[in-house]
Amino acid sequence: MSHYEEQYAEFGALCDDLNKAVVNNDPKKFAETEEKIAEFPNTEHVDVVDDDQAEPVELRINNDRFELEDKIQNVWTTSEDLDTILFRVSDDPDGPPSEDQLANLLIGLKEMHDSRCRELMHVFEEGLKRYRYNE
């Protein structure tokens, strides 16, 4: 495995840990993982060489990984949106929404979730294009 692939795998594992901490509502694990992500190399230029005979491949690492992390976190917002809809249906002091209002809430939520996922995939795909090795 190349140096770049190792870093990519390590960062992916950290993002997974961060998401698990959010799902499990574990602020301690979240803070620990955020610290590890902050320690992750974030230099302007990194030369990656797979072996002694290979040409160095220059990578530009800016804050793109944080943009990706931000988009991943945004997808979790759907869960909070569902909690809000459940409040309207079950606990709203003014009573539950009408059938049309509920349908509009769900349609809106579906569109927002789809948009968040599309944005996440766009950032992910752009990152893959930007950091792909020249063969």
N, C-alpha and C. Protein backbone atom coordinates (compact mmCIF):
# COMPACT_ATOMS: atom_id res chain seq x y z
N MET A 1 0.86 -1.17 0.00
CA MET A 1 0.00 0.00 0.00
C MET A 1 0.91 1.24 0.00
N SER A 2 0.59 2.20 -0.85
CA SER A 2 1.39 3.41 -0.93
C SER A 2 1.16 4.30 0.29
N HIS A 3 2.06 5.24 0.46
CA HIS A 3 1.94 6.20 1.56
C HIS A 3 0.62 6.95 1.48
N TYR A 4 0.25 7.39 0.28
CA TYR A 4 -1.00 8.11 0.09
C TYR A 4 -2.20 7.24 0.46
N GLU A 5 -2.19 6.00 0.01
CA GLU A 5 -3.30 5.09 0.32
C GLU A 5 -3.40 4.84 1.83
N GLU A 6 -2.25 4.75 2.51
CA GLU A 6 -2.26 4.57 3.96
C GLU A 6 -2.88 5.78 4.65
N GLN A 7 -2.47 6.99 4.21
CA GLN A 7 -3.04 8.20 4.80
C GLN A 7 -4.54 8.29 4.52
N TYR A 8 -4.93 7.95 3.31
CA TYR A 8 -6.35 8.00 2.94
C TYR A 8 -7.15 7.03 3.80
N ALA A 9 -6.62 5.83 3.99
CA ALA A 9 -7.31 4.83 4.81
C ALA A 9 -7.38 5.29 6.27
N GLU A 10 -6.29 5.85 6.77
CA GLU A 10 -6.27 6.33 8.15
C GLU A 10 -7.29 7.46 8.34
N PHE A 11 -7.33 8.39 7.40
CA PHE A 11 -8.28 9.49 7.51
C PHE A 11 -9.72 8.98 7.42
N GLY A 12 -9.97 8.02 6.52
CA GLY A 12 -11.30 7.44 6.40
C GLY A 12 -11.74 6.78 7.70
N ALA A 13 -10.80 6.08 8.36
CA ALA A 13 -11.12 5.44 9.64
C ALA A 13 -11.43 6.49 10.71
N LEU A 14 -10.70 7.60 10.69
CA LEU A 14 -10.98 8.67 11.65
C LEU A 14 -12.35 9.28 11.40
N CYS A 15 -12.72 9.46 10.14
CA CYS A 15 -14.06 9.99 9.83
C CYS A 15 -15.13 9.03 10.30
N ASP A 16 -14.90 7.73 10.11
CA ASP A 16 -15.85 6.72 10.61
C ASP A 16 -16.00 6.82 12.13
N ASP A 17 -14.85 6.96 12.82
CA ASP A 17 -14.89 7.08 14.28
C ASP A 17 -15.66 8.34 14.70
N LEU A 18 -15.45 9.42 13.96
CA LEU A 18 -16.15 10.67 14.28
C LEU A 18 -17.65 10.49 14.12
N ASN A 19 -18.06 9.85 13.04
CA ASN A 19 -19.49 9.62 12.81
C ASN A 19 -20.09 8.69 13.86
N LYS A 20 -19.34 7.67 14.26
CA LYS A 20 -19.82 6.76 15.31
C LYS A 20 -20.01 7.51 16.63
N ALA A 21 -19.08 8.43 16.92
CA ALA A 21 -19.19 9.21 18.15
C ALA A 21 -20.45 10.08 18.12
N VAL A 22 -20.79 10.60 16.95
CA VAL A 22 -22.01 11.40 16.82
C VAL A 22 -23.23 10.51 17.03
N VAL A 23 -23.25 9.37 16.36
CA VAL A 23 -24.39 8.46 16.46
C VAL A 23 -24.58 7.98 17.90
N ASN A 24 -23.46 7.67 18.57
CA ASN A 24 -23.53 7.15 19.93
C ASN A 24 -23.60 8.26 20.99
N ASN A 25 -23.66 9.51 20.52
CA ASN A 25 -23.73 10.66 21.42
C ASN A 25 -22.63 10.58 22.48
N ASP A 26 -21.38 10.42 21.98
CA ASP A 26 -20.21 10.25 22.84
C ASP A 26 -19.27 11.43 22.66
N PRO A 27 -19.46 12.52 23.44
CA PRO A 27 -18.65 13.71 23.26
C PRO A 27 -17.17 13.48 23.54
N LYS A 28 -16.84 12.56 24.45
CA LYS A 28 -15.43 12.29 24.75
C LYS A 28 -14.75 11.67 23.53
N LYS A 29 -15.36 10.67 22.94
CA LYS A 29 -14.80 10.02 21.75
C LYS A 29 -14.74 11.01 20.59
N PHE A 30 -15.77 11.86 20.47
CA PHE A 30 -15.80 12.87 19.42
C PHE A 30 -14.60 13.81 19.57
N ALA A 31 -14.36 14.30 20.79
CA ALA A 31 -13.24 15.23 21.03
C ALA A 31 -11.90 14.55 20.76
N GLU A 32 -11.75 13.29 21.19
CA GLU A 32 -10.50 12.56 20.95
C GLU A 32 -10.25 12.40 19.45
N THR A 33 -11.30 12.06 18.72
CA THR A 33 -11.15 11.85 17.28
C THR A 33 -10.87 13.17 16.57
N GLU A 34 -11.52 14.24 17.00
CA GLU A 34 -11.25 15.56 16.42
C GLU A 34 -9.79 15.94 16.61
N GLU A 35 -9.23 15.64 17.79
CA GLU A 35 -7.82 15.93 18.05
C GLU A 35 -6.93 15.14 17.10
N LYS A 36 -7.26 13.87 16.88
CA LYS A 36 -6.47 13.05 15.96
C LYS A 36 -6.55 13.60 14.54
N ILE A 37 -7.74 14.04 14.15
CA ILE A 37 -7.90 14.61 12.80
C ILE A 37 -7.10 15.90 12.69
N ALA A 38 -7.10 16.70 13.75
CA ALA A 38 -6.33 17.95 13.73
C ALA A 38 -4.83 17.69 13.61
N GLU A 39 -4.37 16.55 14.14
CA GLU A 39 -2.96 16.19 14.06
C GLU A 39 -2.60 15.59 12.70
N PHE A 40 -3.60 15.24 11.93
CA PHE A 40 -3.37 14.63 10.62
C PHE A 40 -2.60 15.62 9.74
N PRO A 41 -1.62 15.13 8.95
CA PRO A 41 -0.82 16.05 8.14
C PRO A 41 -1.70 16.94 7.26
N ASN A 42 -1.42 18.23 7.28
CA ASN A 42 -2.18 19.18 6.47
C ASN A 42 -1.21 20.21 5.92
N THR A 43 -0.33 19.76 5.05
CA THR A 43 0.66 20.66 4.47
C THR A 43 0.24 21.04 3.07
N GLU A 44 0.82 22.10 2.58
CA GLU A 44 0.47 22.56 1.22
C GLU A 44 0.92 21.57 0.15
N HIS A 45 2.13 21.03 0.29
CA HIS A 45 2.66 20.11 -0.72
C HIS A 45 3.19 18.86 -0.03
N VAL A 46 2.87 17.72 -0.59
CA VAL A 46 3.38 16.46 -0.08
C VAL A 46 3.87 15.68 -1.28
N ASP A 47 5.11 15.23 -1.23
CA ASP A 47 5.63 14.37 -2.28
C ASP A 47 5.48 12.93 -1.83
N VAL A 48 4.78 12.14 -2.63
CA VAL A 48 4.53 10.75 -2.30
C VAL A 48 5.26 9.89 -3.30
N VAL A 49 6.11 9.00 -2.81
CA VAL A 49 6.85 8.09 -3.68
C VAL A 49 6.53 6.67 -3.24
N ASP A 50 6.05 5.86 -4.18
CA ASP A 50 5.69 4.48 -3.85
C ASP A 50 6.91 3.58 -3.69
N ASP A 51 7.92 3.80 -4.50
CA ASP A 51 9.14 3.01 -4.39
C ASP A 51 10.31 3.87 -4.84
N ASP A 52 11.52 3.32 -4.78
CA ASP A 52 12.72 4.09 -5.08
C ASP A 52 12.79 4.55 -6.53
N GLN A 53 12.16 3.85 -7.44
CA GLN A 53 12.27 4.17 -8.86
C GLN A 53 11.13 5.07 -9.35
N ALA A 54 10.13 5.26 -8.55
CA ALA A 54 8.97 6.04 -8.98
C ALA A 54 9.26 7.53 -8.89
N GLU A 55 8.61 8.27 -9.73
CA GLU A 55 8.69 9.73 -9.69
C GLU A 55 7.80 10.23 -8.55
N PRO A 56 8.22 11.26 -7.84
CA PRO A 56 7.34 11.82 -6.80
C PRO A 56 6.05 12.36 -7.41
N VAL A 57 4.97 12.17 -6.71
CA VAL A 57 3.68 12.70 -7.13
C VAL A 57 3.33 13.81 -6.15
N GLU A 58 3.14 15.01 -6.69
CA GLU A 58 2.83 16.14 -5.81
C GLU A 58 1.33 16.19 -5.56
N LEU A 59 0.99 16.27 -4.30
CA LEU A 59 -0.40 16.41 -3.90
C LEU A 59 -0.56 17.76 -3.24
N ARG A 60 -1.67 18.40 -3.49
CA ARG A 60 -1.99 19.64 -2.78
C ARG A 60 -3.06 19.29 -1.77
N ILE A 61 -2.72 19.40 -0.51
CA ILE A 61 -3.68 19.09 0.55
C ILE A 61 -4.01 20.40 1.24
N ASN A 62 -5.17 20.90 1.02
CA ASN A 62 -5.62 22.12 1.68
C ASN A 62 -6.64 21.71 2.74
N ASN A 63 -7.73 22.39 2.80
CA ASN A 63 -8.76 22.05 3.76
C ASN A 63 -9.87 21.23 3.12
N ASP A 64 -9.59 20.57 1.98
CA ASP A 64 -10.61 19.79 1.30
C ASP A 64 -11.15 18.67 2.17
N ARG A 65 -10.29 18.06 2.96
CA ARG A 65 -10.77 16.96 3.81
C ARG A 65 -11.75 17.46 4.85
N PHE A 66 -11.57 18.73 5.31
CA PHE A 66 -12.50 19.29 6.27
C PHE A 66 -13.83 19.63 5.61
N GLU A 67 -13.76 20.01 4.33
CA GLU A 67 -15.00 20.25 3.59
C GLU A 67 -15.77 18.93 3.46
N LEU A 68 -15.05 17.85 3.16
CA LEU A 68 -15.68 16.54 3.07
C LEU A 68 -16.27 16.14 4.42
N GLU A 69 -15.52 16.33 5.49
CA GLU A 69 -16.03 16.01 6.82
C GLU A 69 -17.29 16.82 7.12
N ASP A 70 -17.28 18.09 6.75
CA ASP A 70 -18.44 18.96 6.96
C ASP A 70 -19.66 18.43 6.22
N LYS A 71 -19.47 17.98 4.98
CA LYS A 71 -20.60 17.45 4.21
C LYS A 71 -21.10 16.14 4.81
N ILE A 72 -20.20 15.33 5.33
CA ILE A 72 -20.62 14.08 6.00
C ILE A 72 -21.47 14.42 7.22
N GLN A 73 -21.01 15.40 8.00
CA GLN A 73 -21.76 15.80 9.18
C GLN A 73 -23.13 16.37 8.80
N ASN A 74 -23.20 17.10 7.70
CA ASN A 74 -24.47 17.68 7.25
C ASN A 74 -25.52 16.61 6.98
N VAL A 75 -25.09 15.45 6.49
CA VAL A 75 -26.04 14.37 6.19
C VAL A 75 -26.73 13.91 7.48
N TRP A 76 -26.01 13.99 8.61
CA TRP A 76 -26.60 13.58 9.89
C TRP A 76 -27.70 14.53 10.33
N THR A 77 -27.78 15.69 9.75
CA THR A 77 -28.83 16.65 10.09
C THR A 77 -30.21 16.08 9.82
N THR A 78 -30.30 15.16 8.87
CA THR A 78 -31.59 14.54 8.55
C THR A 78 -32.20 13.88 9.78
N SER A 79 -31.37 13.28 10.61
CA SER A 79 -31.87 12.65 11.83
C SER A 79 -32.51 13.69 12.75
N GLU A 80 -31.87 14.84 12.88
CA GLU A 80 -32.43 15.91 13.71
C GLU A 80 -33.73 16.44 13.09
N ASP A 81 -33.77 16.52 11.77
CA ASP A 81 -35.00 16.96 11.09
C ASP A 81 -36.15 15.99 11.37
N LEU A 82 -35.84 14.70 11.37
CA LEU A 82 -36.87 13.70 11.67
C LEU A 82 -37.37 13.85 13.11
N ASP A 83 -36.46 14.16 14.02
CA ASP A 83 -36.88 14.40 15.41
C ASP A 83 -37.87 15.57 15.48
N THR A 84 -37.62 16.61 14.70
CA THR A 84 -38.51 17.77 14.67
C THR A 84 -39.88 17.39 14.12
N ILE A 85 -39.89 16.59 13.08
CA ILE A 85 -41.17 16.14 12.51
C ILE A 85 -41.91 15.26 13.52
N LEU A 86 -41.19 14.39 14.22
CA LEU A 86 -41.82 13.56 15.24
C LEU A 86 -42.42 14.41 16.36
N PHE A 87 -41.74 15.49 16.72
CA PHE A 87 -42.32 16.41 17.71
C PHE A 87 -43.64 16.97 17.20
N ARG A 88 -43.65 17.40 15.94
CA ARG A 88 -44.89 17.97 15.38
C ARG A 88 -46.01 16.95 15.39
N VAL A 89 -45.68 15.70 15.10
CA VAL A 89 -46.71 14.66 15.02
C VAL A 89 -47.18 14.22 16.41
N SER A 90 -46.26 14.10 17.34
CA SER A 90 -46.60 13.50 18.63
C SER A 90 -46.76 14.47 19.79
N ASP A 91 -45.94 15.52 19.84
CA ASP A 91 -45.86 16.31 21.06
C ASP A 91 -46.22 17.79 20.91
N ASP A 92 -46.53 18.24 19.73
CA ASP A 92 -46.82 19.66 19.53
C ASP A 92 -48.08 20.04 20.31
N PRO A 93 -47.98 21.06 21.18
CA PRO A 93 -49.15 21.46 21.98
C PRO A 93 -50.34 21.91 21.12
N ASP A 94 -50.07 22.35 19.89
CA ASP A 94 -51.15 22.78 19.00
C ASP A 94 -51.77 21.62 18.23
N GLY A 95 -51.30 20.42 18.52
CA GLY A 95 -51.84 19.25 17.83
C GLY A 95 -51.00 18.87 16.63
N PRO A 96 -51.27 17.69 16.09
CA PRO A 96 -50.47 17.21 14.95
C PRO A 96 -50.79 18.00 13.67
N PRO A 97 -49.86 17.97 12.72
CA PRO A 97 -50.11 18.65 11.45
C PRO A 97 -51.19 17.91 10.66
N SER A 98 -51.79 18.62 9.73
CA SER A 98 -52.76 17.96 8.86
C SER A 98 -52.02 16.99 7.94
N GLU A 99 -52.78 16.18 7.25
CA GLU A 99 -52.18 15.21 6.33
C GLU A 99 -51.36 15.94 5.26
N ASP A 100 -51.89 17.04 4.72
CA ASP A 100 -51.16 17.81 3.72
C ASP A 100 -49.89 18.43 4.29
N GLN A 101 -49.99 18.98 5.50
CA GLN A 101 -48.80 19.56 6.13
C GLN A 101 -47.73 18.50 6.37
N LEU A 102 -48.14 17.34 6.83
CA LEU A 102 -47.19 16.25 7.07
C LEU A 102 -46.54 15.81 5.76
N ALA A 103 -47.36 15.68 4.72
CA ALA A 103 -46.81 15.29 3.41
C ALA A 103 -45.78 16.33 2.94
N ASN A 104 -46.09 17.62 3.12
CA ASN A 104 -45.15 18.67 2.72
C ASN A 104 -43.86 18.61 3.54
N LEU A 105 -43.99 18.36 4.84
CA LEU A 105 -42.80 18.22 5.68
C LEU A 105 -41.91 17.08 5.19
N LEU A 106 -42.53 15.94 4.91
CA LEU A 106 -41.76 14.77 4.47
C LEU A 106 -41.16 14.97 3.08
N ILE A 107 -41.91 15.58 2.18
CA ILE A 107 -41.38 15.85 0.83
C ILE A 107 -40.18 16.80 0.94
N GLY A 108 -40.33 17.85 1.76
CA GLY A 108 -39.24 18.79 1.95
C GLY A 108 -38.01 18.13 2.55
N LEU A 109 -38.23 17.27 3.55
CA LEU A 109 -37.12 16.56 4.18
C LEU A 109 -36.42 15.65 3.18
N LYS A 110 -37.20 14.94 2.38
CA LYS A 110 -36.61 14.05 1.37
C LYS A 110 -35.74 14.85 0.40
N GLU A 111 -36.24 15.98 -0.07
CA GLU A 111 -35.47 16.81 -1.01
C GLU A 111 -34.20 17.35 -0.37
N MET A 112 -34.29 17.78 0.89
CA MET A 112 -33.11 18.28 1.59
C MET A 112 -32.08 17.16 1.77
N HIS A 113 -32.54 15.97 2.16
CA HIS A 113 -31.61 14.85 2.35
C HIS A 113 -30.96 14.48 1.02
N ASP A 114 -31.73 14.40 -0.04
CA ASP A 114 -31.17 14.10 -1.36
C ASP A 114 -30.14 15.15 -1.76
N SER A 115 -30.44 16.41 -1.51
CA SER A 115 -29.51 17.50 -1.85
C SER A 115 -28.23 17.40 -1.04
N ARG A 116 -28.34 17.09 0.25
CA ARG A 116 -27.14 16.93 1.08
C ARG A 116 -26.28 15.78 0.57
N CYS A 117 -26.91 14.68 0.21
CA CYS A 117 -26.17 13.52 -0.29
C CYS A 117 -25.50 13.84 -1.63
N ARG A 118 -26.20 14.55 -2.51
CA ARG A 118 -25.62 14.94 -3.80
C ARG A 118 -24.40 15.84 -3.59
N GLU A 119 -24.52 16.78 -2.65
CA GLU A 119 -23.41 17.69 -2.36
C GLU A 119 -22.22 16.91 -1.79
N LEU A 120 -22.50 15.98 -0.89
CA LEU A 120 -21.45 15.15 -0.32
C LEU A 120 -20.73 14.36 -1.41
N MET A 121 -21.49 13.73 -2.30
CA MET A 121 -20.87 12.96 -3.38
C MET A 121 -20.04 13.85 -4.30
N HIS A 122 -20.53 15.06 -4.56
CA HIS A 122 -19.77 16.00 -5.41
C HIS A 122 -18.42 16.31 -4.78
N VAL A 123 -18.40 16.64 -3.50
CA VAL A 123 -17.15 16.97 -2.81
C VAL A 123 -16.23 15.74 -2.80
N PHE A 124 -16.79 14.57 -2.55
CA PHE A 124 -16.00 13.33 -2.53
C PHE A 124 -15.40 13.05 -3.91
N GLU A 125 -16.20 13.14 -4.96
CA GLU A 125 -15.72 12.86 -6.31
C GLU A 125 -14.66 13.87 -6.75
N GLU A 126 -14.85 15.13 -6.40
CA GLU A 126 -13.85 16.15 -6.74
C GLU A 126 -12.54 15.86 -6.02
N GLY A 127 -12.63 15.43 -4.77
CA GLY A 127 -11.43 15.05 -4.03
C GLY A 127 -10.71 13.88 -4.67
N LEU A 128 -11.46 12.90 -5.14
CA LEU A 128 -10.85 11.75 -5.81
C LEU A 128 -10.14 12.18 -7.10
N LYS A 129 -10.79 13.04 -7.86
CA LYS A 129 -10.17 13.53 -9.11
C LYS A 129 -8.90 14.31 -8.81
N ARG A 130 -8.95 15.14 -7.80
CA ARG A 130 -7.84 16.04 -7.48
C ARG A 130 -6.62 15.28 -6.98
N TYR A 131 -6.83 14.18 -6.26
CA TYR A 131 -5.69 13.49 -5.64
C TYR A 131 -5.38 12.13 -6.28
N ARG A 132 -5.90 11.89 -7.45
CA ARG A 132 -5.63 10.64 -8.15
C ARG A 132 -4.19 10.64 -8.66
N TYR A 133 -3.56 9.49 -8.60
CA TYR A 133 -2.21 9.35 -9.12
C TYR A 133 -2.20 9.44 -10.63
N ASN A 134 -1.13 10.01 -11.17
CA ASN A 134 -0.92 9.97 -12.62
C ASN A 134 -0.29 8.65 -12.95
N GLU A 135 -0.89 7.93 -13.87
CA GLU A 135 -0.34 6.59 -14.19
C GLU A 135 0.54 6.67 -15.42
